[in-house]
N, C-alpha and C. Protein backbone atom coordinates (compact mmCIF):
# COMPACT_ATOMS: atom_id res chain seq x y z
N MET A 1 9.48 10.57 -11.21
CA MET A 1 9.45 9.64 -10.33
C MET A 1 7.79 8.23 -10.30
N LYS A 2 8.75 7.37 -10.21
CA LYS A 2 7.26 6.40 -10.51
C LYS A 2 6.68 5.84 -8.50
N ILE A 3 5.35 5.55 -8.86
CA ILE A 3 4.58 5.12 -7.50
C ILE A 3 3.58 3.55 -8.20
N VAL A 4 3.83 3.19 -7.41
CA VAL A 4 2.84 1.69 -8.09
C VAL A 4 1.39 1.98 -6.59
N GLY A 5 0.56 1.14 -7.25
CA GLY A 5 -0.89 1.13 -5.99
C GLY A 5 -1.17 -0.02 -5.62
N ILE A 6 -0.96 -0.43 -4.71
CA ILE A 6 -1.67 -2.00 -4.62
C ILE A 6 -2.83 -2.26 -4.00
N CYS A 7 -3.72 -2.74 -4.53
CA CYS A 7 -5.26 -2.27 -4.51
C CYS A 7 -5.26 -3.94 -3.44
N GLY A 8 -5.33 -4.54 -2.50
CA GLY A 8 -5.74 -5.73 -1.57
C GLY A 8 -6.93 -6.01 -1.09
N SER A 9 -7.47 -5.64 -1.78
CA SER A 9 -9.44 -5.97 -2.39
C SER A 9 -9.48 -7.31 -3.32
N PRO A 10 -10.91 -7.94 -2.67
CA PRO A 10 -11.44 -8.49 -4.14
C PRO A 10 -12.55 -8.06 -4.39
N ARG A 11 -13.47 -6.51 -4.28
CA ARG A 11 -13.51 -6.47 -4.91
C ARG A 11 -13.76 -4.80 -4.92
N GLU A 12 -14.34 -4.44 -6.32
CA GLU A 12 -14.49 -3.35 -6.90
C GLU A 12 -15.10 -2.30 -6.20
N LYS A 13 -14.77 -1.70 -4.85
CA LYS A 13 -15.75 -1.26 -3.95
C LYS A 13 -15.06 -0.34 -3.54
N ALA A 14 -15.32 -0.17 -2.08
CA ALA A 14 -14.26 1.10 -1.41
C ALA A 14 -13.02 1.26 -1.49
N THR A 15 -12.14 0.34 -0.96
CA THR A 15 -10.81 0.20 -1.16
C THR A 15 -10.40 0.64 -2.17
N ASN A 16 -11.11 0.01 -3.50
CA ASN A 16 -10.51 0.57 -4.53
C ASN A 16 -10.44 1.52 -5.40
N HIS A 17 -11.49 2.43 -4.95
CA HIS A 17 -11.77 3.65 -4.72
C HIS A 17 -11.19 4.42 -4.56
N VAL A 18 -10.89 4.47 -2.99
CA VAL A 18 -9.67 5.27 -2.29
C VAL A 18 -8.33 5.00 -3.15
N LEU A 19 -7.77 3.58 -3.52
CA LEU A 19 -6.56 4.40 -3.83
C LEU A 19 -6.27 4.57 -5.11
N LYS A 20 -7.58 4.36 -5.74
CA LYS A 20 -7.59 5.23 -7.71
C LYS A 20 -7.87 7.06 -6.86
N GLU A 21 -8.37 7.39 -6.11
CA GLU A 21 -8.46 9.12 -5.75
C GLU A 21 -6.80 9.52 -5.27
N CYS A 22 -5.88 8.49 -4.42
CA CYS A 22 -4.79 8.30 -3.97
C CYS A 22 -4.32 8.94 -5.32
N LEU A 23 -4.07 7.88 -6.24
CA LEU A 23 -2.83 8.21 -7.75
C LEU A 23 -3.66 9.57 -8.07
N LYS A 24 -4.65 9.76 -8.43
CA LYS A 24 -5.40 10.70 -8.84
C LYS A 24 -4.60 11.92 -8.16
N MET A 25 -4.29 11.85 -6.81
CA MET A 25 -3.98 13.34 -6.11
C MET A 25 -2.49 13.48 -6.30
N LEU A 26 -1.20 12.11 -6.52
CA LEU A 26 -0.02 11.70 -6.71
C LEU A 26 0.18 12.69 -8.12
N GLU A 27 -0.84 12.04 -9.39
CA GLU A 27 -0.78 12.04 -10.68
C GLU A 27 -0.19 13.90 -10.19
N GLU A 28 -1.18 14.87 -10.05
CA GLU A 28 -1.86 15.99 -9.64
C GLU A 28 -0.10 16.60 -9.22
N ARG A 29 0.78 16.04 -8.31
CA ARG A 29 2.36 16.47 -7.59
C ARG A 29 3.10 16.17 -8.70
N GLY A 30 2.88 15.93 -10.48
CA GLY A 30 3.76 15.00 -11.56
C GLY A 30 4.24 13.73 -11.24
N PHE A 31 4.00 12.93 -10.27
CA PHE A 31 4.54 11.34 -10.16
C PHE A 31 3.67 10.66 -11.57
N GLU A 32 4.15 9.33 -11.28
CA GLU A 32 3.39 8.87 -13.24
C GLU A 32 3.21 7.76 -11.66
N THR A 33 2.25 6.92 -12.20
CA THR A 33 1.31 5.92 -11.25
C THR A 33 1.19 4.83 -12.30
N SER A 34 1.07 3.63 -11.48
CA SER A 34 1.05 2.79 -12.21
C SER A 34 0.03 1.53 -10.72
N PHE A 35 -1.13 1.29 -11.33
CA PHE A 35 -2.63 0.34 -10.27
C PHE A 35 -2.28 -1.14 -10.28
N PHE A 36 -2.21 -1.01 -9.55
CA PHE A 36 -2.70 -3.33 -9.73
C PHE A 36 -3.79 -3.44 -8.35
N ALA A 37 -4.57 -4.43 -9.00
CA ALA A 37 -5.47 -4.79 -8.41
C ALA A 37 -5.61 -6.36 -7.98
N VAL A 38 -5.65 -6.29 -6.41
CA VAL A 38 -5.83 -8.14 -6.58
C VAL A 38 -6.99 -9.04 -6.91
N ARG A 39 -8.00 -7.90 -7.29
CA ARG A 39 -9.49 -8.42 -7.57
C ARG A 39 -9.17 -9.46 -9.47
N GLY A 40 -9.81 -11.21 -9.12
CA GLY A 40 -9.92 -11.36 -10.41
C GLY A 40 -8.62 -12.25 -10.41
N LYS A 41 -7.24 -11.52 -9.80
CA LYS A 41 -6.11 -12.13 -9.87
C LYS A 41 -5.81 -13.61 -9.14
N LYS A 42 -4.65 -14.15 -9.62
CA LYS A 42 -4.51 -15.93 -8.80
C LYS A 42 -3.48 -15.34 -8.31
N ILE A 43 -2.74 -15.01 -6.51
CA ILE A 43 -2.01 -14.86 -6.37
C ILE A 43 -2.15 -15.96 -5.15
N SER A 44 -1.41 -16.67 -5.22
CA SER A 44 -1.06 -18.13 -3.92
C SER A 44 -0.48 -17.63 -3.07
N PRO A 45 -0.29 -17.83 -1.83
CA PRO A 45 0.77 -17.60 -0.78
C PRO A 45 1.79 -17.76 -0.76
N CYS A 46 3.04 -17.77 0.33
CA CYS A 46 4.28 -18.15 -0.07
C CYS A 46 3.75 -19.53 0.73
N LEU A 47 4.93 -20.11 0.32
CA LEU A 47 5.02 -21.94 0.81
C LEU A 47 5.73 -21.88 1.55
N HIS A 48 7.03 -20.69 1.43
CA HIS A 48 8.41 -20.22 2.28
C HIS A 48 9.39 -21.88 1.55
N CYS A 49 8.86 -22.36 0.54
CA CYS A 49 9.55 -23.45 0.84
C CYS A 49 11.54 -23.62 0.30
N ASP A 50 11.63 -21.93 0.39
CA ASP A 50 13.01 -21.51 -0.12
C ASP A 50 13.67 -22.04 -0.95
N PHE A 51 13.09 -22.19 -2.66
CA PHE A 51 13.33 -22.22 -4.51
C PHE A 51 14.23 -21.10 -4.63
N CYS A 52 13.33 -19.43 -3.81
CA CYS A 52 13.77 -18.19 -4.28
C CYS A 52 15.48 -18.07 -4.03
N LEU A 53 15.74 -18.73 -2.34
CA LEU A 53 16.98 -18.21 -2.41
C LEU A 53 18.16 -18.81 -2.82
N LYS A 54 17.37 -19.85 -3.55
CA LYS A 54 18.57 -20.60 -4.35
C LYS A 54 18.17 -20.27 -5.69
N ASN A 55 17.48 -19.87 -6.22
CA ASN A 55 17.46 -19.55 -8.19
C ASN A 55 16.66 -18.40 -7.79
N LYS A 56 16.59 -17.25 -6.91
CA LYS A 56 16.73 -15.99 -7.81
C LYS A 56 15.36 -15.74 -7.64
N GLU A 57 14.58 -16.46 -7.89
CA GLU A 57 13.22 -16.30 -8.44
C GLU A 57 11.81 -17.33 -7.21
N CYS A 58 10.29 -16.19 -7.80
CA CYS A 58 9.48 -17.54 -6.81
C CYS A 58 9.19 -18.97 -8.01
N ARG A 59 8.93 -20.05 -6.85
CA ARG A 59 8.51 -21.24 -8.36
C ARG A 59 7.14 -20.92 -8.59
N VAL A 60 6.67 -20.50 -7.88
CA VAL A 60 4.88 -20.31 -7.97
C VAL A 60 4.59 -19.32 -9.12
N LYS A 61 4.58 -19.75 -10.09
CA LYS A 61 4.10 -19.14 -11.48
C LYS A 61 2.62 -18.35 -11.24
N ASP A 62 2.11 -17.08 -11.20
CA ASP A 62 0.88 -16.79 -11.50
C ASP A 62 1.41 -15.43 -11.50
N ASP A 63 -0.09 -14.78 -10.85
CA ASP A 63 -0.53 -13.31 -10.61
C ASP A 63 0.52 -12.04 -10.44
N MET A 64 1.27 -12.72 -9.81
CA MET A 64 2.36 -11.79 -9.26
C MET A 64 3.21 -11.76 -9.81
N TYR A 65 4.22 -12.25 -11.13
CA TYR A 65 4.31 -12.17 -11.97
C TYR A 65 4.60 -10.81 -12.48
N GLU A 66 3.24 -10.28 -12.99
CA GLU A 66 2.68 -8.54 -13.04
C GLU A 66 3.36 -8.36 -11.76
N VAL A 67 3.60 -8.53 -10.01
CA VAL A 67 3.34 -7.04 -9.68
C VAL A 67 5.14 -6.98 -9.90
N TYR A 68 5.82 -7.95 -9.74
CA TYR A 68 6.92 -7.51 -9.71
C TYR A 68 7.61 -6.67 -10.58
N PRO A 69 7.82 -6.55 -11.35
CA PRO A 69 8.03 -5.09 -12.30
C PRO A 69 8.17 -4.00 -11.51
N LEU A 70 6.88 -4.19 -11.13
CA LEU A 70 6.25 -2.36 -11.17
C LEU A 70 6.44 -2.20 -9.75
N LEU A 71 6.86 -3.25 -8.75
CA LEU A 71 7.49 -2.83 -7.46
C LEU A 71 9.03 -2.57 -7.64
N GLN A 72 9.64 -3.53 -8.22
CA GLN A 72 11.11 -2.84 -8.57
C GLN A 72 11.51 -1.73 -9.10
N GLU A 73 10.56 -1.34 -10.02
CA GLU A 73 10.61 0.08 -10.91
C GLU A 73 10.19 1.49 -10.07
N ALA A 74 9.72 0.79 -9.21
CA ALA A 74 8.69 2.02 -8.47
C ALA A 74 10.07 2.73 -7.42
N ASP A 75 9.72 4.28 -7.46
CA ASP A 75 10.50 4.62 -6.29
C ASP A 75 9.48 5.09 -4.85
N GLY A 76 8.48 4.98 -4.88
CA GLY A 76 6.49 4.95 -3.96
C GLY A 76 6.42 3.55 -3.72
N ILE A 77 5.81 3.15 -2.98
CA ILE A 77 4.66 2.22 -2.48
C ILE A 77 3.42 2.40 -2.23
N VAL A 78 2.01 2.59 -2.54
CA VAL A 78 1.02 2.90 -1.78
C VAL A 78 -0.02 1.53 -1.34
N PHE A 79 -0.09 0.82 -0.67
CA PHE A 79 -0.92 -0.95 -0.09
C PHE A 79 -1.75 -0.22 0.66
N ALA A 80 -3.28 -0.41 -0.06
CA ALA A 80 -4.11 0.13 0.73
C ALA A 80 -5.17 -1.16 0.54
N THR A 81 -5.81 -1.86 1.69
CA THR A 81 -6.02 -2.71 2.62
C THR A 81 -8.23 -2.39 2.82
N PRO A 82 -8.76 -3.55 3.01
CA PRO A 82 -9.54 -3.26 3.52
C PRO A 82 -9.14 -4.30 4.34
N VAL A 83 -9.99 -3.75 5.72
CA VAL A 83 -10.34 -4.36 7.23
C VAL A 83 -11.12 -5.52 7.01
N TYR A 84 -10.35 -6.83 7.16
CA TYR A 84 -11.07 -8.30 7.86
C TYR A 84 -10.21 -8.59 9.25
N ASN A 85 -11.16 -8.87 9.67
CA ASN A 85 -11.57 -9.42 11.33
C ASN A 85 -10.02 -8.21 12.02
N GLY A 86 -10.56 -6.94 11.79
CA GLY A 86 -9.53 -6.40 12.56
C GLY A 86 -8.26 -6.17 11.80
N ALA A 87 -7.68 -6.84 10.27
CA ALA A 87 -6.22 -6.60 10.02
C ALA A 87 -6.14 -6.60 8.80
N LEU A 88 -5.52 -6.75 7.89
CA LEU A 88 -5.25 -6.34 6.53
C LEU A 88 -5.74 -7.36 6.50
N SER A 89 -6.44 -7.81 4.29
CA SER A 89 -6.41 -8.36 4.05
C SER A 89 -5.68 -10.14 3.84
N SER A 90 -6.44 -11.51 3.48
CA SER A 90 -5.06 -12.07 3.61
C SER A 90 -4.86 -11.92 2.21
N GLN A 91 -5.75 -11.57 0.75
CA GLN A 91 -4.90 -11.13 -0.06
C GLN A 91 -3.68 -9.88 -0.35
N ALA A 92 -3.59 -8.85 0.32
CA ALA A 92 -2.79 -7.95 0.73
C ALA A 92 -1.25 -8.90 1.35
N LYS A 93 -1.81 -9.68 2.08
CA LYS A 93 -0.71 -10.32 3.32
C LYS A 93 -0.20 -10.96 1.79
N ALA A 94 -0.48 -11.71 0.87
CA ALA A 94 0.05 -13.13 0.73
C ALA A 94 0.87 -11.91 -0.15
N VAL A 95 0.52 -10.98 -0.85
CA VAL A 95 1.42 -9.90 -1.95
C VAL A 95 2.97 -9.76 -1.50
N MET A 96 2.26 -9.34 0.07
CA MET A 96 4.06 -9.03 0.55
C MET A 96 4.79 -10.42 1.00
N ASP A 97 3.82 -10.90 1.35
CA ASP A 97 4.50 -12.58 1.63
C ASP A 97 5.80 -13.14 0.81
N ARG A 98 4.66 -12.70 -0.61
CA ARG A 98 4.68 -12.38 -2.03
C ARG A 98 6.59 -12.28 -2.77
N CYS A 99 7.17 -10.95 -1.96
CA CYS A 99 8.32 -10.05 -2.10
C CYS A 99 9.39 -10.91 -1.44
N ARG A 100 9.32 -11.62 -0.49
CA ARG A 100 10.15 -13.10 -0.31
C ARG A 100 11.38 -12.67 -1.82
N ALA A 101 10.66 -13.40 -2.59
CA ALA A 101 11.11 -13.30 -4.00
C ALA A 101 11.76 -12.89 -4.79
N LEU A 102 11.46 -11.73 -4.56
CA LEU A 102 12.15 -10.46 -5.50
C LEU A 102 12.81 -9.83 -4.36
N ALA A 103 13.02 -10.06 -2.63
CA ALA A 103 14.14 -9.93 -1.97
C ALA A 103 15.61 -10.44 -2.19
N ALA A 104 15.40 -12.13 -2.61
CA ALA A 104 16.10 -13.48 -2.47
C ALA A 104 17.07 -12.82 -3.93
N ALA A 105 16.80 -12.30 -4.81
CA ALA A 105 17.25 -11.76 -5.92
C ALA A 105 17.49 -10.55 -5.64
N ASP A 106 17.66 -9.88 -5.56
CA ASP A 106 18.19 -8.91 -4.65
C ASP A 106 17.46 -7.82 -3.32
N PHE A 107 18.77 -7.72 -2.75
CA PHE A 107 18.76 -8.00 -1.14
C PHE A 107 18.11 -6.13 -1.45
N ASP A 108 18.70 -5.66 -1.61
CA ASP A 108 18.20 -4.00 -1.65
C ASP A 108 17.15 -3.83 -2.56
N VAL A 109 16.64 -4.50 -2.74
CA VAL A 109 15.75 -4.00 -4.21
C VAL A 109 14.90 -3.45 -3.82
N PHE A 110 14.10 -2.80 -2.15
CA PHE A 110 13.10 -2.02 -1.65
C PHE A 110 13.89 -0.77 -1.21
N ARG A 111 15.13 -1.03 -0.93
CA ARG A 111 15.53 -0.46 0.76
C ARG A 111 15.71 1.14 -0.16
N GLY A 112 15.01 1.94 0.44
CA GLY A 112 14.81 3.37 0.19
C GLY A 112 13.79 3.65 -0.36
N LYS A 113 12.78 2.95 -1.03
CA LYS A 113 11.58 3.55 -1.59
C LYS A 113 11.19 4.39 -0.53
N THR A 114 9.58 4.83 -0.48
CA THR A 114 9.22 5.22 0.18
C THR A 114 7.55 5.04 0.39
N GLY A 115 7.13 4.23 1.26
CA GLY A 115 6.23 3.50 1.20
C GLY A 115 5.28 4.37 2.55
N MET A 116 3.69 4.01 1.49
CA MET A 116 2.66 4.73 2.50
C MET A 116 1.28 3.87 2.65
N ALA A 117 0.81 3.96 3.34
CA ALA A 117 -0.86 2.62 3.53
C ALA A 117 -2.78 3.34 3.55
N ILE A 118 -3.41 2.97 3.01
CA ILE A 118 -4.66 2.85 3.48
C ILE A 118 -5.59 2.00 4.08
N ALA A 119 -6.12 1.67 4.74
CA ALA A 119 -7.18 1.17 5.02
C ALA A 119 -8.20 1.27 5.48
N VAL A 120 -9.30 0.50 5.38
CA VAL A 120 -10.80 1.00 4.95
C VAL A 120 -11.55 0.05 5.49
N GLY A 121 -11.43 1.03 6.15
CA GLY A 121 -13.15 -0.54 7.51
C GLY A 121 -14.60 -0.48 7.44
N GLY A 122 -15.28 -0.80 7.54
CA GLY A 122 -16.67 -1.17 7.59
C GLY A 122 -17.34 -0.62 8.77
N ASP A 123 -16.66 -0.68 9.54
CA ASP A 123 -16.74 0.18 11.17
C ASP A 123 -15.34 1.27 11.59
N ARG A 124 -16.04 2.71 11.60
CA ARG A 124 -15.24 3.84 12.40
C ARG A 124 -13.63 3.00 13.39
N MET A 125 -14.00 2.29 13.95
CA MET A 125 -13.17 1.46 14.37
C MET A 125 -13.20 0.06 14.52
N GLY A 126 -13.25 -0.63 12.99
CA GLY A 126 -12.67 -1.63 13.02
C GLY A 126 -11.40 -2.84 12.42
N GLY A 127 -10.24 -1.77 13.35
CA GLY A 127 -8.95 -2.36 12.83
C GLY A 127 -8.11 -1.83 11.99
N GLN A 128 -8.94 -0.38 11.72
CA GLN A 128 -7.88 0.61 10.20
C GLN A 128 -6.65 0.79 11.08
N GLU A 129 -5.95 1.12 12.17
CA GLU A 129 -4.86 0.85 12.90
C GLU A 129 -3.68 0.15 13.16
N LEU A 130 -4.40 -1.26 13.14
CA LEU A 130 -3.55 -1.99 13.20
C LEU A 130 -3.13 -2.79 11.15
N ALA A 131 -4.36 -2.85 10.97
CA ALA A 131 -4.27 -2.76 8.79
C ALA A 131 -2.85 -1.68 8.93
N ILE A 132 -2.85 -0.72 8.49
CA ILE A 132 -1.62 0.21 8.31
C ILE A 132 -0.55 0.00 9.38
N GLN A 133 -0.42 -0.76 10.22
CA GLN A 133 0.43 -1.24 11.69
C GLN A 133 1.26 -2.38 10.88
N GLN A 134 0.89 -3.63 10.13
CA GLN A 134 1.45 -4.59 9.68
C GLN A 134 1.65 -4.24 8.16
N ILE A 135 1.18 -3.22 7.75
CA ILE A 135 1.76 -2.56 6.10
C ILE A 135 3.30 -1.98 6.46
N ILE A 136 3.24 -1.24 7.53
CA ILE A 136 3.97 -0.21 7.62
C ILE A 136 4.82 -1.18 8.09
N THR A 137 4.91 -2.30 8.96
CA THR A 137 5.89 -3.58 9.27
C THR A 137 6.18 -4.42 7.83
N PHE A 138 5.67 -3.99 7.29
CA PHE A 138 6.32 -4.94 5.51
C PHE A 138 7.15 -3.66 5.40
N TYR A 139 6.84 -2.70 5.43
CA TYR A 139 7.86 -1.07 4.78
C TYR A 139 8.93 -1.28 5.64
N VAL A 140 9.75 -1.74 6.75
CA VAL A 140 10.02 -1.35 7.88
C VAL A 140 11.36 -3.03 7.74
N LEU A 141 10.79 -4.12 7.27
CA LEU A 141 11.31 -5.13 7.04
C LEU A 141 11.91 -5.10 6.08
N SER A 142 11.70 -4.37 4.59
CA SER A 142 11.65 -4.43 3.15
C SER A 142 12.80 -3.03 3.63
N GLY A 143 12.92 -2.26 4.38
CA GLY A 143 14.09 -1.50 3.90
C GLY A 143 13.63 0.01 3.08
N ILE A 144 12.03 -0.24 3.54
CA ILE A 144 11.09 0.92 3.05
C ILE A 144 10.62 1.81 4.06
N VAL A 145 11.21 3.54 3.03
CA VAL A 145 10.47 3.87 4.81
C VAL A 145 9.34 4.43 4.62
N PRO A 146 8.62 4.45 5.42
CA PRO A 146 6.91 4.37 5.81
C PRO A 146 6.74 5.86 6.56
N VAL A 147 5.52 6.22 5.45
CA VAL A 147 5.02 7.32 5.61
C VAL A 147 3.92 8.11 6.11
N GLY A 148 3.59 8.22 7.44
CA GLY A 148 2.38 8.05 7.52
C GLY A 148 2.02 10.02 7.52
N GLY A 149 0.75 10.88 7.98
CA GLY A 149 0.27 12.19 7.55
C GLY A 149 0.21 12.92 8.44
N GLY A 150 0.81 11.82 9.89
CA GLY A 150 1.19 13.39 10.73
C GLY A 150 0.07 13.53 11.97
N SER A 151 0.38 13.89 12.67
CA SER A 151 -0.57 14.11 13.89
C SER A 151 -2.18 14.66 13.15
N PHE A 152 -3.34 14.83 14.49
CA PHE A 152 -4.31 15.10 14.36
C PHE A 152 -4.86 14.33 13.00
N GLY A 153 -4.89 13.15 13.15
CA GLY A 153 -5.86 12.45 11.75
C GLY A 153 -4.89 11.61 11.28
N ALA A 154 -3.73 11.57 10.85
CA ALA A 154 -3.25 10.11 10.21
C ALA A 154 -2.48 9.91 10.47
N ASN A 155 -2.07 9.95 11.42
CA ASN A 155 -0.55 9.54 12.46
C ASN A 155 -0.42 8.20 11.36
N LEU A 156 -1.12 6.89 11.20
CA LEU A 156 -0.24 6.41 10.33
C LEU A 156 0.10 6.09 9.55
N GLY A 157 -1.17 6.67 9.31
CA GLY A 157 -1.35 6.68 7.27
C GLY A 157 -2.60 7.37 7.07
N ALA A 158 -3.90 6.59 5.88
CA ALA A 158 -4.83 6.89 5.40
C ALA A 158 -6.07 6.11 5.58
N THR A 159 -7.25 6.31 6.56
CA THR A 159 -7.66 5.57 7.33
C THR A 159 -9.49 6.13 6.95
N PHE A 160 -10.44 5.30 6.49
CA PHE A 160 -11.60 5.57 6.24
C PHE A 160 -13.21 4.54 7.12
N TRP A 161 -13.94 4.74 6.56
CA TRP A 161 -15.22 4.21 6.76
C TRP A 161 -15.97 4.12 6.09
N SER A 162 -16.26 3.60 5.81
CA SER A 162 -16.73 2.77 4.62
C SER A 162 -18.62 2.70 5.16
N ARG A 163 -18.70 2.31 6.22
CA ARG A 163 -20.13 2.04 6.26
C ARG A 163 -20.15 0.48 5.29
N ASP A 164 -19.31 -0.13 4.48
CA ASP A 164 -19.59 -1.43 3.93
C ASP A 164 -20.09 -1.23 2.67
N THR A 165 -20.17 0.43 2.20
CA THR A 165 -20.64 1.17 0.89
C THR A 165 -19.52 1.59 0.36
N LEU A 166 -19.82 1.61 -1.91
CA LEU A 166 -19.51 2.36 -1.73
C LEU A 166 -19.83 4.31 -1.70
N GLU A 167 -21.00 4.18 -1.72
CA GLU A 167 -21.03 5.56 -1.17
C GLU A 167 -20.71 6.17 0.09
N GLY A 168 -20.48 4.95 0.95
CA GLY A 168 -20.29 5.80 2.60
C GLY A 168 -18.98 6.25 2.40
N VAL A 169 -17.70 5.35 1.06
CA VAL A 169 -16.58 5.60 1.98
C VAL A 169 -16.68 7.42 0.69
N LYS A 170 -17.10 7.65 -0.02
CA LYS A 170 -17.17 8.83 -0.95
C LYS A 170 -17.66 9.89 0.14
N GLU A 171 -18.44 9.52 0.85
CA GLU A 171 -18.91 11.02 1.40
C GLU A 171 -18.09 10.62 3.23
N ASP A 172 -17.10 10.12 3.22
CA ASP A 172 -16.27 10.04 4.61
C ASP A 172 -14.87 11.34 4.00
N GLU A 173 -15.64 12.46 4.82
CA GLU A 173 -14.59 13.64 4.40
C GLU A 173 -12.97 13.74 5.29
N GLU A 174 -13.22 12.76 6.87
CA GLU A 174 -12.76 13.02 7.69
C GLU A 174 -11.53 11.81 6.56
N GLY A 175 -11.92 10.65 6.38
CA GLY A 175 -10.74 9.75 6.08
C GLY A 175 -10.48 10.57 4.72
N PHE A 176 -10.87 11.10 3.44
CA PHE A 176 -10.20 11.80 2.66
C PHE A 176 -8.75 12.96 3.00
N ARG A 177 -9.33 13.77 4.00
CA ARG A 177 -8.45 14.77 5.25
C ARG A 177 -7.48 13.73 5.49
N SER A 178 -7.65 12.61 6.15
CA SER A 178 -6.66 11.72 6.08
C SER A 178 -5.96 11.52 5.13
N LEU A 179 -6.31 11.04 4.05
CA LEU A 179 -5.37 10.50 2.74
C LEU A 179 -4.94 11.99 2.20
N ARG A 180 -5.37 13.10 2.43
CA ARG A 180 -4.98 14.31 1.72
C ARG A 180 -3.45 14.73 2.33
N LYS A 181 -3.41 14.33 3.52
CA LYS A 181 -2.11 14.93 4.47
C LYS A 181 -1.45 13.89 4.17
N THR A 182 -1.79 12.06 4.48
CA THR A 182 -0.87 11.46 3.60
C THR A 182 0.07 11.49 2.34
N VAL A 183 -0.99 11.60 1.68
CA VAL A 183 -0.33 12.36 0.35
C VAL A 183 0.88 13.25 0.37
N ARG A 184 0.12 14.32 1.40
CA ARG A 184 1.24 15.02 1.35
C ARG A 184 2.39 14.82 1.60
N ARG A 185 2.98 14.62 2.76
CA ARG A 185 3.88 14.03 3.34
C ARG A 185 4.73 13.10 2.43
N PHE A 186 3.92 11.93 1.46
CA PHE A 186 4.56 10.87 1.32
C PHE A 186 5.51 11.60 -0.28
N SER A 187 4.95 12.97 -0.51
CA SER A 187 4.85 13.35 -2.15
C SER A 187 6.44 13.67 -1.60
N ASP A 188 6.10 14.82 -0.34
CA ASP A 188 8.05 15.23 -0.23
C ASP A 188 8.38 15.10 0.26
N GLN A 189 8.29 13.26 1.39
CA GLN A 189 8.99 12.72 1.55
C GLN A 189 10.26 12.13 0.27
N LEU A 190 9.34 11.54 -0.95
CA LEU A 190 9.81 11.39 -2.75
C LEU A 190 10.50 12.58 -2.62
N LYS A 191 10.14 13.84 -3.12
CA LYS A 191 10.89 14.52 -3.18
C LYS A 191 12.46 14.99 -2.31
N GLY A 192 11.89 14.78 -1.29
CA GLY A 192 13.00 15.64 -0.42
C GLY A 192 12.47 16.78 -0.43
N VAL A 193 11.55 17.17 -0.14
CA VAL A 193 10.93 18.35 0.35
C VAL A 193 10.63 18.35 2.16
N VAL A 194 10.96 19.24 2.49
CA VAL A 194 10.75 19.69 4.56
C VAL A 194 9.82 20.83 4.20
N PRO A 195 8.21 20.54 5.04
CA PRO A 195 7.48 21.40 5.30
C PRO A 195 8.10 22.77 5.85
N GLU A 196 7.54 23.21 5.38
CA GLU A 196 7.51 24.76 6.40
C GLU A 196 7.67 24.21 7.74
N LYS A 197 6.44 24.13 8.19
CA LYS A 197 6.40 24.03 9.64
C LYS A 197 7.68 22.78 10.16
N GLU A 198 8.63 21.90 9.26
CA GLU A 198 9.26 21.21 10.12
C GLU A 198 10.69 21.44 10.07
N LYS A 199 10.85 22.59 9.33
CA LYS A 199 12.22 23.18 8.98
C LYS A 199 12.50 23.17 10.65
């Protein structure tokens, strides 16, 4: 099964590190993974011009065309975003909005896939849950099944406090605990496994 991880950070720091650690955990569980980062890429916002509705492709020819096949082929999707102004990054939102073209070409392109979310904030309470809720909203609207980490620390997904440094996120033991919990549930959902305690 294939997993694509999309890093919505324009910096190669905390969010990038956490997503790569997440993908390593998934590889250890037997998944094939791919990684896409918005850093250094040109991804324009959606123009809502409706070109895709008529032509079944996006008129804006930019680096989204690297992401489209990864999303189409994936069984699972992991969006990771830094927290900007209490929400997800504009780069992550642009990727989501531009997925309209995929749905215009194939309405069911995302239906039945599984999704998880990661948010990294510079403050402990910097908007991580709101950022994750925005990712989950994208999943729900697209027909993707969202998976959180469950009660006691990872309700909606994995959240990290980076203290605005790479070192800070590496030391966030609670963040990695939330990541492990979310990865476990994400993996179980993809494999159709019902955990013992939930049977």
